[in-house]
Protein backbone atom coordinates (compact mmCIF):
# COMPACT_ATOMS: atom_id res chain seq x y z
CA UNK A 1 134.30 168.93 -155.88
CA UNK A 2 136.50 172.17 -155.48
CA UNK A 3 139.33 171.12 -152.37
CA UNK A 4 139.37 172.65 -149.65
CA UNK A 5 142.92 174.84 -148.94
CA UNK A 6 145.00 174.05 -146.22
CA UNK A 7 148.00 176.07 -145.37
CA UNK A 8 150.83 173.79 -143.89
CA UNK A 9 154.22 173.92 -142.34
CA UNK A 10 156.26 170.78 -142.99
CA UNK A 11 160.06 170.56 -141.36
CA UNK A 12 162.87 169.09 -142.74
CA UNK A 13 164.58 167.63 -139.65
CA UNK A 14 168.27 166.56 -139.21
CA UNK A 15 170.00 164.58 -136.72
CA UNK A 16 173.55 165.24 -135.64
CA UNK A 17 174.32 162.27 -138.77
CA UNK A 18 172.60 164.82 -141.50
CA UNK A 19 169.88 162.21 -141.50
CA UNK A 20 166.18 163.40 -142.32
CA UNK A 21 163.23 162.31 -139.63
CA UNK A 22 160.26 160.99 -141.69
CA UNK A 23 156.83 159.24 -141.15
CA UNK A 24 155.23 156.54 -142.66
CA UNK A 25 151.66 157.49 -143.24
CA UNK A 26 148.74 155.14 -144.57
CA UNK A 27 146.88 157.74 -146.82
CA UNK A 28 143.08 158.14 -147.39
CA UNK A 29 141.78 156.19 -150.28
CA UNK A 30 141.29 156.93 -152.85
CA UNK A 31 144.98 157.61 -153.42
CA UNK A 32 147.27 156.09 -155.36
CA UNK A 33 150.02 155.40 -153.00
CA UNK A 34 148.58 153.32 -150.14
CA UNK A 35 151.72 153.94 -147.82
CA UNK A 36 153.76 157.38 -147.85
CA UNK A 37 156.52 158.75 -146.26
CA UNK A 38 156.30 162.38 -144.96
CA UNK A 39 157.86 164.56 -142.92
CA UNK A 40 156.42 165.81 -139.73
CA UNK A 41 154.47 168.76 -139.85
CA UNK A 42 150.81 169.76 -140.62
CA UNK A 43 148.00 172.19 -140.86
CA UNK A 44 148.18 175.94 -139.28
CA UNK A 45 145.73 176.59 -136.85
CA UNK A 46 143.80 179.49 -136.95
CA UNK A 47 145.98 183.30 -136.71
CA UNK A 48 149.11 180.97 -136.60
CA UNK A 49 152.20 181.60 -138.81
CA UNK A 50 153.92 179.02 -140.77
CA UNK A 51 156.88 179.54 -138.30
CA UNK A 52 154.83 179.34 -135.10
CA UNK A 53 152.85 175.79 -136.29
CA UNK A 54 156.41 174.34 -137.28
CA UNK A 55 157.37 174.93 -133.89
CA UNK A 56 153.91 173.74 -132.42
CA UNK A 57 154.36 170.11 -135.09
CA UNK A 58 157.77 169.92 -133.67
CA UNK A 59 156.90 169.28 -130.57
CA UNK A 60 153.21 167.70 -131.27
CA UNK A 61 155.00 164.98 -133.14
CA UNK A 62 158.60 164.61 -132.32
CA UNK A 63 158.73 165.87 -128.58
CA UNK A 64 161.42 168.68 -129.00
CA UNK A 65 160.93 172.37 -128.55
CA UNK A 66 163.61 175.23 -128.86
CA UNK A 67 165.00 174.76 -132.69
CA UNK A 68 166.13 176.98 -134.72
CA UNK A 69 164.37 177.32 -137.93
CA UNK A 70 166.09 177.87 -141.78
CA UNK A 71 163.97 180.88 -143.63
CA UNK A 72 161.44 178.51 -145.92
CA UNK A 73 163.33 176.71 -148.66
CA UNK A 74 160.63 174.70 -150.44
CA UNK A 75 156.75 174.99 -151.31
CA UNK A 76 155.10 172.04 -152.37
CA UNK A 77 150.89 171.75 -153.12
CA UNK A 78 148.81 168.42 -153.42
CA UNK A 79 145.28 167.51 -153.33
CA UNK A 80 144.62 164.16 -150.94
CA UNK A 81 141.34 163.15 -149.32
CA UNK A 82 140.71 162.91 -145.69
CA UNK A 83 137.55 161.56 -144.29
CA UNK A 84 135.89 161.97 -147.42
CA UNK A 85 136.47 165.74 -148.48
CA UNK A 86 139.17 166.83 -150.87
CA UNK A 87 141.61 169.01 -149.57
CA UNK A 88 144.52 170.89 -151.23
CA UNK A 89 147.69 171.48 -148.64
CA UNK A 90 149.40 174.41 -149.29
CA UNK A 91 152.87 173.62 -147.67
CA UNK A 92 156.06 175.31 -146.90
CA UNK A 93 159.38 173.19 -145.57
CA UNK A 94 161.52 174.61 -142.91
CA UNK A 95 165.12 173.05 -142.06
CA UNK A 96 166.26 172.37 -138.31
CA UNK A 97 168.26 170.38 -136.97
CA UNK A 98 168.13 168.24 -133.53
CA UNK A 99 170.54 167.12 -131.03
CA UNK A 100 169.73 163.52 -131.22
CA UNK A 101 167.57 161.14 -132.76
CA UNK A 102 164.66 160.74 -129.97
CA UNK A 103 161.15 160.74 -131.16
CA UNK A 104 158.34 161.14 -129.06
CA UNK A 105 155.05 161.38 -130.98
CA UNK A 106 153.34 161.60 -127.57
CA UNK A 107 150.91 165.04 -128.89
CA UNK A 108 150.10 163.50 -132.20
CA UNK A 109 145.90 164.01 -132.84
CA UNK A 110 144.15 160.92 -132.92
CA UNK A 111 143.87 160.95 -136.89
CA UNK A 112 147.51 161.20 -137.18
CA UNK A 113 148.30 158.65 -134.87
CA UNK A 114 145.75 156.47 -136.69
CA UNK A 115 147.30 156.99 -139.99
CA UNK A 116 151.36 156.81 -138.39
CA UNK A 117 152.67 153.04 -139.39
CA UNK A 118 156.20 154.23 -138.13
CA UNK A 119 159.37 156.75 -138.09
CA UNK A 120 162.96 156.53 -139.27
CA UNK A 121 165.54 158.71 -139.72
CA UNK A 122 166.81 158.20 -142.96
CA UNK A 123 170.61 158.56 -144.66
CA UNK A 124 170.52 160.37 -147.90
CA UNK A 125 172.18 157.57 -149.58
CA UNK A 126 169.23 155.51 -148.68
CA UNK A 127 166.45 158.08 -149.85
CA UNK A 128 168.51 158.15 -153.09
CA UNK A 129 168.27 154.30 -153.06
CA UNK A 130 164.98 153.42 -152.32
CA UNK A 131 161.95 152.35 -154.21
CA UNK A 132 159.49 154.10 -151.47
CA UNK A 133 157.41 156.61 -152.01
CA UNK A 134 157.96 159.91 -150.61
CA UNK A 135 156.76 163.34 -150.58
CA UNK A 136 157.76 165.25 -152.23
CA UNK A 137 158.19 162.55 -154.70
CA UNK A 138 162.21 163.59 -155.50
CA UNK A 139 162.68 163.96 -151.61
CA UNK A 140 166.50 162.35 -151.82
CA UNK A 141 167.29 164.89 -154.99
CA UNK A 142 166.14 168.07 -153.54
CA UNK A 143 167.65 167.40 -149.90
CA UNK A 144 171.24 167.03 -151.23
CA UNK A 145 171.66 170.52 -151.44
CA UNK A 146 170.23 171.08 -148.45
CA UNK A 147 172.65 169.01 -146.29
CA UNK A 148 175.67 170.31 -148.58
CA UNK A 149 174.82 173.93 -146.94
CA UNK A 150 172.88 175.17 -149.98
CA UNK A 151 169.75 176.67 -148.81
CA UNK A 152 168.06 178.48 -151.60
CA UNK A 153 167.64 182.49 -151.54
CA UNK A 154 163.95 182.04 -152.21
CA UNK A 155 162.11 179.13 -151.79
CA UNK A 156 161.57 176.28 -154.22
CA UNK A 157 158.44 175.07 -155.62
CA UNK A 158 159.25 171.26 -155.63
CA UNK A 159 156.21 169.88 -157.51
CA UNK A 160 153.91 167.03 -155.96
């Protein structure tokens, strides 16, 4: 079965201590990684730009408005299963900073809330030392240059 394409916007959301917000979610079967840490974000709605989707998702999943987005820094494609169908997410990642570490996921859709196990603000050292599953898989290594202020001049393909 050919996966359904799903354009997505994702956020590398950083607090004042340079910690990254991640959500621990339960994947749909038959995914080999039952629990994975992901960045806030999600699919575009009809007629929506990636940047507009990033702002909307930030409001729905974190309860924050009015942040400045970086240009797109990463690209990622991956296939997963949702409600029995194969989906190919085509993700664009943006960096944004928030003034504090408050999280209010009240605007999440029911399916998102059902998959969410918890959230955490991760310091870089903890990401790099963890054996947890992250999306993208090499998140700790990929995030280090971003935290050093080294944004790529063109979006990087970050793999799985």
